[in-house]
Amino acid sequence: DDISYTFPMDTTRPDSVNEPIDSVNYFKITYYFDKEKLNEIDEDVYLQSDSMAAHLLVRLTEDLSSKYGKDASQNDSRVWSRKKNGKTEWVSLSDQSEEYDYGRLSLVFYSEDY
């Protein structure tokens, strides 16, 4: 089972979540459940250009590295892991812009020990 939400993205105006969805700059969050427990959160970020995505990728990488430590590269993704309450959690970040005609980042939080 899953639940998805789509929000506009405007970092200059925090109240932009109350506005109509821009077809160019927005993000979608999907929560995945298994056995009635949350086990994965996917966030897809859609941006007007691949250069905007590259800029955001650098900022997110810095933020995630400061929180989770050094990342490990796997294919085209950066992956961080940590133990929390005896369980391993992973965070994956990838730039998928090359596959599309616009900027697109994928951020995934998941745990196999739920």
Protein backbone atom coordinates (compact mmCIF):
# COMPACT_ATOMS: atom_id res chain seq x y z
CA ASP A 1 0.00 0.00 0.00
CA ASP A 2 1.13 3.55 -0.61
CA ILE A 3 0.06 7.17 -0.17
CA SER A 4 1.32 9.96 -2.45
CA TYR A 5 1.28 13.74 -2.20
CA THR A 6 2.38 16.34 -4.76
CA PHE A 7 3.47 19.83 -3.71
CA PRO A 8 4.66 22.95 -5.51
CA MET A 9 8.24 23.92 -4.85
CA ASP A 10 9.14 27.53 -4.25
CA THR A 11 11.98 28.05 -1.84
CA THR A 12 11.47 31.81 -1.76
CA ARG A 13 7.90 31.69 -0.47
CA PRO A 14 7.14 29.12 2.25
CA ASP A 15 3.38 29.54 1.75
CA SER A 16 3.65 28.24 -1.83
CA VAL A 17 2.19 24.88 -0.71
CA ASN A 18 -1.20 26.58 -0.84
CA GLU A 19 -0.84 27.47 -4.52
CA PRO A 20 -1.64 25.41 -7.63
CA ILE A 21 0.97 22.85 -8.69
CA ASP A 22 3.50 24.24 -11.16
CA SER A 23 3.97 21.73 -13.96
CA VAL A 24 7.73 22.42 -13.99
CA ASN A 25 8.92 22.81 -10.38
CA TYR A 26 7.31 20.47 -7.88
CA PHE A 27 7.95 17.39 -5.78
CA LYS A 28 6.08 14.22 -5.07
CA ILE A 29 6.35 12.23 -1.85
CA THR A 30 5.20 8.62 -1.68
CA TYR A 31 4.96 6.66 1.57
CA TYR A 32 5.13 2.86 1.22
CA PHE A 33 3.74 0.53 3.86
CA ASP A 34 4.26 -3.18 4.41
CA LYS A 35 2.57 -5.14 7.17
CA GLU A 36 0.90 -1.87 8.19
CA LYS A 37 4.30 -0.27 8.91
CA LEU A 38 6.06 2.49 7.03
CA ASN A 39 9.15 1.02 5.37
CA GLU A 40 10.04 3.46 2.56
CA ILE A 41 9.62 7.12 1.63
CA ASP A 42 10.33 8.23 -1.95
CA GLU A 43 10.68 11.88 -2.89
CA ASP A 44 10.91 12.79 -6.55
CA VAL A 45 11.93 16.39 -7.23
CA TYR A 46 11.08 17.85 -10.65
CA LEU A 47 12.93 20.98 -11.75
CA GLN A 48 12.91 23.17 -14.82
CA SER A 49 16.49 22.30 -15.85
CA ASP A 50 19.26 19.82 -15.20
CA SER A 51 21.48 22.67 -13.95
CA MET A 52 18.92 23.45 -11.23
CA ALA A 53 18.91 19.76 -10.33
CA ALA A 54 22.73 19.69 -10.19
CA HIS A 55 22.74 22.68 -7.82
CA LEU A 56 20.14 21.09 -5.53
CA LEU A 57 22.01 17.76 -5.67
CA VAL A 58 25.11 19.46 -4.23
CA ARG A 59 23.09 21.08 -1.42
CA LEU A 60 21.29 17.84 -0.54
CA THR A 61 24.54 15.85 -0.63
CA GLU A 62 26.12 18.32 1.80
CA ASP A 63 23.11 18.22 4.13
CA LEU A 64 22.84 14.43 4.09
CA SER A 65 26.58 13.99 4.59
CA SER A 66 26.52 16.30 7.61
CA LYS A 67 23.70 14.22 9.10
CA TYR A 68 24.68 10.66 8.07
CA GLY A 69 28.44 10.87 7.37
CA LYS A 70 30.30 9.88 4.21
CA ASP A 71 28.24 8.40 1.39
CA ALA A 72 28.99 5.33 -0.69
CA SER A 73 28.45 5.48 -4.44
CA GLN A 74 26.32 2.75 -5.99
CA ASN A 75 25.72 2.98 -9.73
CA ASP A 76 24.50 6.57 -10.24
CA SER A 77 23.38 7.03 -6.64
CA ARG A 78 24.88 8.21 -3.40
CA VAL A 79 23.87 6.05 -0.44
CA TRP A 80 24.14 6.80 3.28
CA SER A 81 23.36 4.35 6.07
CA ARG A 82 23.04 4.51 9.81
CA LYS A 83 21.94 2.40 12.72
CA LYS A 84 19.05 3.76 14.71
CA ASN A 85 17.51 1.88 17.61
CA GLY A 86 19.37 -1.25 16.46
CA LYS A 87 17.95 -1.04 12.93
CA THR A 88 19.74 -0.07 9.72
CA GLU A 89 18.30 2.81 7.70
CA TRP A 90 19.44 3.90 4.24
CA VAL A 91 19.12 7.11 2.29
CA SER A 92 19.67 7.11 -1.47
CA LEU A 93 20.05 10.22 -3.64
CA SER A 94 20.35 10.20 -7.42
CA ASP A 95 20.21 12.69 -10.27
CA GLN A 96 17.97 11.26 -12.99
CA SER A 97 17.98 14.40 -15.17
CA GLU A 98 19.97 12.77 -17.97
CA GLU A 99 17.10 10.35 -18.59
CA TYR A 100 14.56 13.19 -18.96
CA ASP A 101 14.28 16.57 -20.69
CA TYR A 102 14.21 18.36 -17.32
CA GLY A 103 15.82 18.23 -13.90
CA ARG A 104 14.84 15.27 -11.75
CA LEU A 105 16.23 14.06 -8.44
CA SER A 106 15.22 10.97 -6.53
CA LEU A 107 15.58 10.77 -2.76
CA VAL A 108 14.66 7.50 -1.02
CA PHE A 109 14.58 6.71 2.71
CA TYR A 110 14.18 3.03 3.52
CA SER A 111 14.77 0.28 6.05
CA GLU A 112 14.82 -3.46 5.61
CA ASP A 113 14.54 -3.99 9.37
CA TYR A 114 11.03 -2.71 9.99
